[in-house]
C-alpha atoms as a PDB file:
ATOM      1  CA  MET A   1       4.519 195.496 254.228  1.00  0.00           C
ATOM      2  CA  ARG A   2       4.385 194.736 257.813  1.00  0.00           C
ATOM      3  CA  TYR A   3       0.624 195.553 258.213  1.00  0.00           C
ATOM      4  CA  GLU A   4      -2.492 195.233 255.946  1.00  0.00           C
ATOM      5  CA  ILE A   5      -5.581 195.289 257.704  1.00  0.00           C
ATOM      6  CA  HIS A   6      -8.932 195.072 256.092  1.00  0.00           C
ATOM      7  CA  PHE A   7     -11.853 197.101 257.211  1.00  0.00           C
ATOM      8  CA  GLU A   8     -15.215 196.951 256.134  1.00  0.00           C
ATOM      9  CA  ASN A   9     -16.350 199.887 256.467  1.00  0.00           C
ATOM     10  CA  GLU A  10     -14.607 203.317 256.498  1.00  0.00           C
ATOM     11  CA  LEU A  11     -12.824 204.498 259.529  1.00  0.00           C
ATOM     12  CA  PRO A  12     -13.373 208.173 261.312  1.00  0.00           C
ATOM     13  CA  ILE A  13     -10.192 209.677 259.790  1.00  0.00           C
ATOM     14  CA  GLU A  14      -9.843 212.673 262.119  1.00  0.00           C
ATOM     15  CA  ALA A  15     -11.526 210.566 264.728  1.00  0.00           C
ATOM     16  CA  LEU A  16      -8.371 207.331 263.904  1.00  0.00           C
ATOM     17  CA  ARG A  17      -5.618 210.249 263.757  1.00  0.00           C
ATOM     18  CA  ARG A  18      -6.639 211.280 266.765  1.00  0.00           C
ATOM     19  CA  PHE A  19      -6.338 207.682 268.164  1.00  0.00           C
ATOM     20  CA  LEU A  20      -3.214 207.278 266.731  1.00  0.00           C
ATOM     21  CA  ARG A  21      -1.764 210.346 268.783  1.00  0.00           C
ATOM     22  CA  GLN A  22      -3.295 209.427 271.911  1.00  0.00           C
ATOM     23  CA  ASP A  23      -2.328 205.648 271.953  1.00  0.00           C
ATOM     24  CA  TYR A  24       0.708 205.483 269.914  1.00  0.00           C
ATOM     25  CA  GLY A  25       2.622 209.109 269.895  1.00  0.00           C
ATOM     26  CA  ILE A  26       1.634 209.404 266.096  1.00  0.00           C
ATOM     27  CA  ALA A  27       1.586 212.369 264.872  1.00  0.00           C
ATOM     28  CA  PRO A  28      -1.715 213.235 262.717  1.00  0.00           C
ATOM     29  CA  ASP A  29       0.141 214.141 259.463  1.00  0.00           C
ATOM     30  CA  ALA A  30       2.167 210.649 259.840  1.00  0.00           C
ATOM     31  CA  LEU A  31      -1.219 208.817 258.572  1.00  0.00           C
ATOM     32  CA  TYR A  32      -1.863 209.017 254.928  1.00  0.00           C
ATOM     33  CA  VAL A  33      -5.781 209.430 253.530  1.00  0.00           C
ATOM     34  CA  GLY A  34      -5.995 208.193 250.210  1.00  0.00           C
ATOM     35  CA  ARG A  35      -5.203 206.117 246.965  1.00  0.00           C
ATOM     36  CA  ILE A  36      -1.263 205.902 246.505  1.00  0.00           C
ATOM     37  CA  GLU A  37      -0.664 206.678 243.223  1.00  0.00           C
ATOM     38  CA  ASP A  38      -2.261 210.724 244.865  1.00  0.00           C
ATOM     39  CA  ARG A  39       0.344 210.665 246.779  1.00  0.00           C
ATOM     40  CA  ALA A  40       3.356 213.053 246.382  1.00  0.00           C
ATOM     41  CA  VAL A  41       6.303 211.655 245.442  1.00  0.00           C
ATOM     42  CA  ASP A  42       8.525 214.057 247.269  1.00  0.00           C
ATOM     43  CA  ALA A  43       6.344 213.861 250.571  1.00  0.00           C
ATOM     44  CA  PRO A  44       7.748 212.548 253.933  1.00  0.00           C
ATOM     45  CA  ARG A  45       7.053 208.666 254.295  1.00  0.00           C
ATOM     46  CA  PRO A  46       3.909 207.872 256.294  1.00  0.00           C
ATOM     47  CA  VAL A  47       3.920 206.045 259.640  1.00  0.00           C
ATOM     48  CA  ALA A  48       0.614 204.644 258.312  1.00  0.00           C
ATOM     49  CA  MET A  49      -1.574 204.605 255.334  1.00  0.00           C
ATOM     50  CA  LEU A  50      -5.480 204.429 254.741  1.00  0.00           C
ATOM     51  CA  ILE A  51      -6.677 202.933 251.338  1.00  0.00           C
ATOM     52  CA  PRO A  52     -10.288 203.805 250.131  1.00  0.00           C
ATOM     53  CA  PRO A  53     -12.191 201.243 247.894  1.00  0.00           C
ATOM     54  CA  ASP A  54     -11.641 201.638 244.094  1.00  0.00           C
ATOM     55  CA  GLU A  55     -15.477 200.799 244.402  1.00  0.00           C
ATOM     56  CA  ASP A  56     -18.058 199.713 246.706  1.00  0.00           C
ATOM     57  CA  GLU A  57     -16.005 197.075 247.297  1.00  0.00           C
ATOM     58  CA  GLY A  58     -16.374 194.463 250.960  1.00  0.00           C
ATOM     59  CA  PHE A  59     -13.793 195.198 253.378  1.00  0.00           C
ATOM     60  CA  GLY A  60     -12.185 197.484 250.798  1.00  0.00           C
ATOM     61  CA  TRP A  61     -10.525 199.950 253.649  1.00  0.00           C
ATOM     62  CA  ILE A  62      -6.709 199.092 253.858  1.00  0.00           C
ATOM     63  CA  LEU A  63      -4.660 200.577 256.597  1.00  0.00           C
ATOM     64  CA  THR A  64      -1.291 199.537 255.689  1.00  0.00           C
ATOM     65  CA  GLY A  65       1.790 200.441 257.318  1.00  0.00           C
ATOM     66  CA  ASP A  66       5.871 198.406 257.855  1.00  0.00           C
ATOM     67  CA  THR A  67       8.135 198.781 260.851  1.00  0.00           C
ATOM     68  CA  GLU A  68       7.328 202.742 262.104  1.00  0.00           C
ATOM     69  CA  LEU A  69       3.313 201.450 263.083  1.00  0.00           C
ATOM     70  CA  ALA A  70       5.211 198.520 264.465  1.00  0.00           C
ATOM     71  CA  ASP A  71       7.342 200.070 266.654  1.00  0.00           C
ATOM     72  CA  ALA A  72       4.623 202.975 267.663  1.00  0.00           C
ATOM     73  CA  THR A  73       2.099 200.348 268.472  1.00  0.00           C
ATOM     74  CA  GLY A  74       3.894 197.680 269.307  1.00  0.00           C
ATOM     75  CA  GLN A  75       1.367 195.549 268.310  1.00  0.00           C
ATOM     76  CA  ASN A  76       1.680 192.294 265.433  1.00  0.00           C
ATOM     77  CA  GLU A  77      -1.527 192.583 262.342  1.00  0.00           C
ATOM     78  CA  ARG A  78      -3.904 191.040 264.506  1.00  0.00           C
ATOM     79  CA  ASP A  79      -3.778 192.864 267.718  1.00  0.00           C
ATOM     80  CA  LEU A  80      -3.551 196.140 266.013  1.00  0.00           C
ATOM     81  CA  ALA A  81      -6.500 194.972 263.608  1.00  0.00           C
ATOM     82  CA  ALA A  82      -8.638 194.046 267.280  1.00  0.00           C
ATOM     83  CA  THR A  83      -7.762 197.397 268.795  1.00  0.00           C
ATOM     84  CA  LEU A  84      -9.102 199.176 265.794  1.00  0.00           C
ATOM     85  CA  ALA A  85     -12.070 196.962 265.037  1.00  0.00           C
ATOM     86  CA  HIS A  86     -13.006 197.383 268.815  1.00  0.00           C
ATOM     87  CA  THR A  87     -12.194 201.166 269.058  1.00  0.00           C
ATOM     88  CA  PHE A  88     -14.434 201.733 265.942  1.00  0.00           C
ATOM     89  CA  GLY A  89     -16.279 199.313 265.899  1.00  0.00           C
ATOM     90  CA  VAL A  90     -15.818 198.134 262.548  1.00  0.00           C
ATOM     91  CA  ARG A  91     -14.834 194.478 261.432  1.00  0.00           C
ATOM     92  CA  ALA A  92     -10.951 193.943 260.031  1.00  0.00           C
ATOM     93  CA  LEU A  93      -9.847 191.317 257.827  1.00  0.00           C
ATOM     94  CA  VAL A  94      -6.524 190.295 258.409  1.00  0.00           C
ATOM     95  CA  ASP A  95      -4.201 187.308 256.444  1.00  0.00           C
ATOM     96  CA  ASP A  96      -4.455 184.055 258.617  1.00  0.00           C
ATOM     97  CA  GLY A  97      -0.639 183.227 257.406  1.00  0.00           C
ATOM     98  CA  SER A  98      -1.634 180.106 255.686  1.00  0.00           C
ATOM     99  CA  ILE A  99      -1.127 178.377 251.782  1.00  0.00           C
ATOM    100  CA  HIS A 100      -5.154 179.437 251.366  1.00  0.00           C
ATOM    101  CA  PRO A 101      -5.243 182.484 249.078  1.00  0.00           C
ATOM    102  CA  ASP A 102      -9.518 182.271 250.055  1.00  0.00           C
ATOM    103  CA  ARG A 103      -8.597 181.555 253.989  1.00  0.00           C
ATOM    104  CA  TRP A 104      -8.678 185.012 255.613  1.00  0.00           C
ATOM    105  CA  LEU A 105      -8.370 186.291 260.045  1.00  0.00           C
ATOM    106  CA  LEU A 106     -11.725 187.865 260.945  1.00  0.00           C
ATOM    107  CA  VAL A 107     -11.715 190.888 263.369  1.00  0.00           C
ATOM    108  CA  SER A 108     -14.821 191.309 265.248  1.00  0.00           C
ATOM    109  CA  THR A 109     -16.247 194.734 266.997  1.00  0.00           C
ATOM    110  CA  ASP A 110     -15.447 192.748 270.218  1.00  0.00           C
ATOM    111  CA  GLY A 111     -12.258 191.744 269.418  1.00  0.00           C
ATOM    112  CA  SER A 112     -12.660 188.315 268.827  1.00  0.00           C
ATOM    113  CA  SER A 113     -10.958 186.660 266.252  1.00  0.00           C
ATOM    114  CA  GLY A 114     -10.885 183.153 264.094  1.00  0.00           C
ATOM    115  CA  ARG A 115     -10.518 181.761 260.425  1.00  0.00           C
ATOM    116  CA  VAL A 116     -12.866 182.629 257.731  1.00  0.00           C
ATOM    117  CA  THR A 117     -13.593 181.298 253.990  1.00  0.00           C
ATOM    118  CA  ILE A 118     -13.791 184.473 251.457  1.00  0.00           C
ATOM    119  CA  ASP A 119     -14.829 184.174 248.098  1.00  0.00           C
ATOM    120  CA  GLU A 120     -12.577 183.750 245.527  1.00  0.00           C
ATOM    121  CA  ASP A 121     -13.720 184.969 242.300  1.00  0.00           C
ATOM    122  CA  ALA A 122     -15.331 188.364 244.220  1.00  0.00           C
ATOM    123  CA  ALA A 123     -11.426 188.297 245.545  1.00  0.00           C
ATOM    124  CA  ALA A 124     -10.021 188.855 242.071  1.00  0.00           C
ATOM    125  CA  ASP A 125     -11.649 191.815 241.978  1.00  0.00           C
ATOM    126  CA  GLY A 126     -10.840 193.022 245.374  1.00  0.00           C
ATOM    127  CA  ASP A 127     -14.044 192.510 247.102  1.00  0.00           C
ATOM    128  CA  LEU A 128     -13.858 190.339 249.795  1.00  0.00           C
ATOM    129  CA  ARG A 129     -16.828 188.984 250.741  1.00  0.00           C
ATOM    130  CA  ILE A 130     -16.906 186.112 253.422  1.00  0.00           C
ATOM    131  CA  VAL A 131     -18.749 182.661 252.949  1.00  0.00           C
ATOM    132  CA  HIS A 132     -18.081 181.225 256.090  1.00  0.00           C
ATOM    133  CA  ALA A 133     -16.290 180.588 259.349  1.00  0.00           C
ATOM    134  CA  LEU A 134     -14.011 177.903 259.645  1.00  0.00           C
ATOM    135  CA  GLU A 135     -14.394 177.803 263.673  1.00  0.00           C
ATOM    136  CA  PRO A 136     -16.610 179.176 265.995  1.00  0.00           C
ATOM    137  CA  ILE A 137     -15.905 183.196 265.989  1.00  0.00           C
ATOM    138  CA  SER A 138     -17.363 184.743 269.631  1.00  0.00           C
ATOM    139  CA  GLY A 139     -18.545 187.904 268.885  1.00  0.00           C
ATOM    140  CA  GLU A 140     -19.755 186.723 265.454  1.00  0.00           C
ATOM    141  CA  PRO A 141     -22.575 184.100 266.213  1.00  0.00           C
ATOM    142  CA  GLN A 142     -24.522 184.485 263.429  1.00  0.00           C
ATOM    143  CA  LEU A 143     -21.747 183.478 260.547  1.00  0.00           C
ATOM    144  CA  ALA A 144     -22.477 179.519 259.675  1.00  0.00           C
ATOM    145  CA  VAL A 145     -19.204 177.489 260.873  1.00  0.00           C
ATOM    146  CA  VAL A 146     -17.646 175.025 257.916  1.00  0.00           C
ATOM    147  CA  PRO A 147     -14.370 173.640 259.165  1.00  0.00           C
ATOM    148  CA  PRO A 148     -12.182 172.639 256.200  1.00  0.00           C
ATOM    149  CA  PRO A 149     -12.048 168.859 255.515  1.00  0.00           C
ATOM    150  CA  ASP A 150      -9.159 167.056 257.271  1.00  0.00           C
ATOM    151  CA  TRP A 151      -6.824 167.088 254.687  1.00  0.00           C
ATOM    152  CA  ALA A 152      -6.921 170.786 253.953  1.00  0.00           C
ATOM    153  CA  ARG A 153      -5.687 171.841 257.504  1.00  0.00           C
ATOM    154  CA  ASP A 154      -2.790 173.758 257.464  1.00  0.00           C
ATOM    155  CA  TRP A 155      -3.356 174.989 261.776  1.00  0.00           C
END
């Protein structure tokens, strides 16, 4: 999986389909919306999937995609998250690429981003809750910044 972007709230599905069509040439029916296990086995492979949360989970809406989505958008995961966050006014989380499972990259609605720490216990239940930022994020001035100790820095 090349993309796994977690959104704080639901993206407006029809508006997302129109956006993907207009900006990236992705056919509306190439975006599957729903649970993976509900998708027909013999259905055509979608370019992207928007998966709803199991419960009322924070950052529970997940947009996934692979090579076809990368080819269509020409953007990496963080840049696509920033584009969608800004376009739809919803924050997003993406993997920060570190070895730390509690560290993610928060993308604000203005497109700015920075590393954050999430609550590991809540995350074990699928609920991504931000504890604090590890660095200042211009679009999130209300978010407390607690830098990691020197020994825990890998970036």
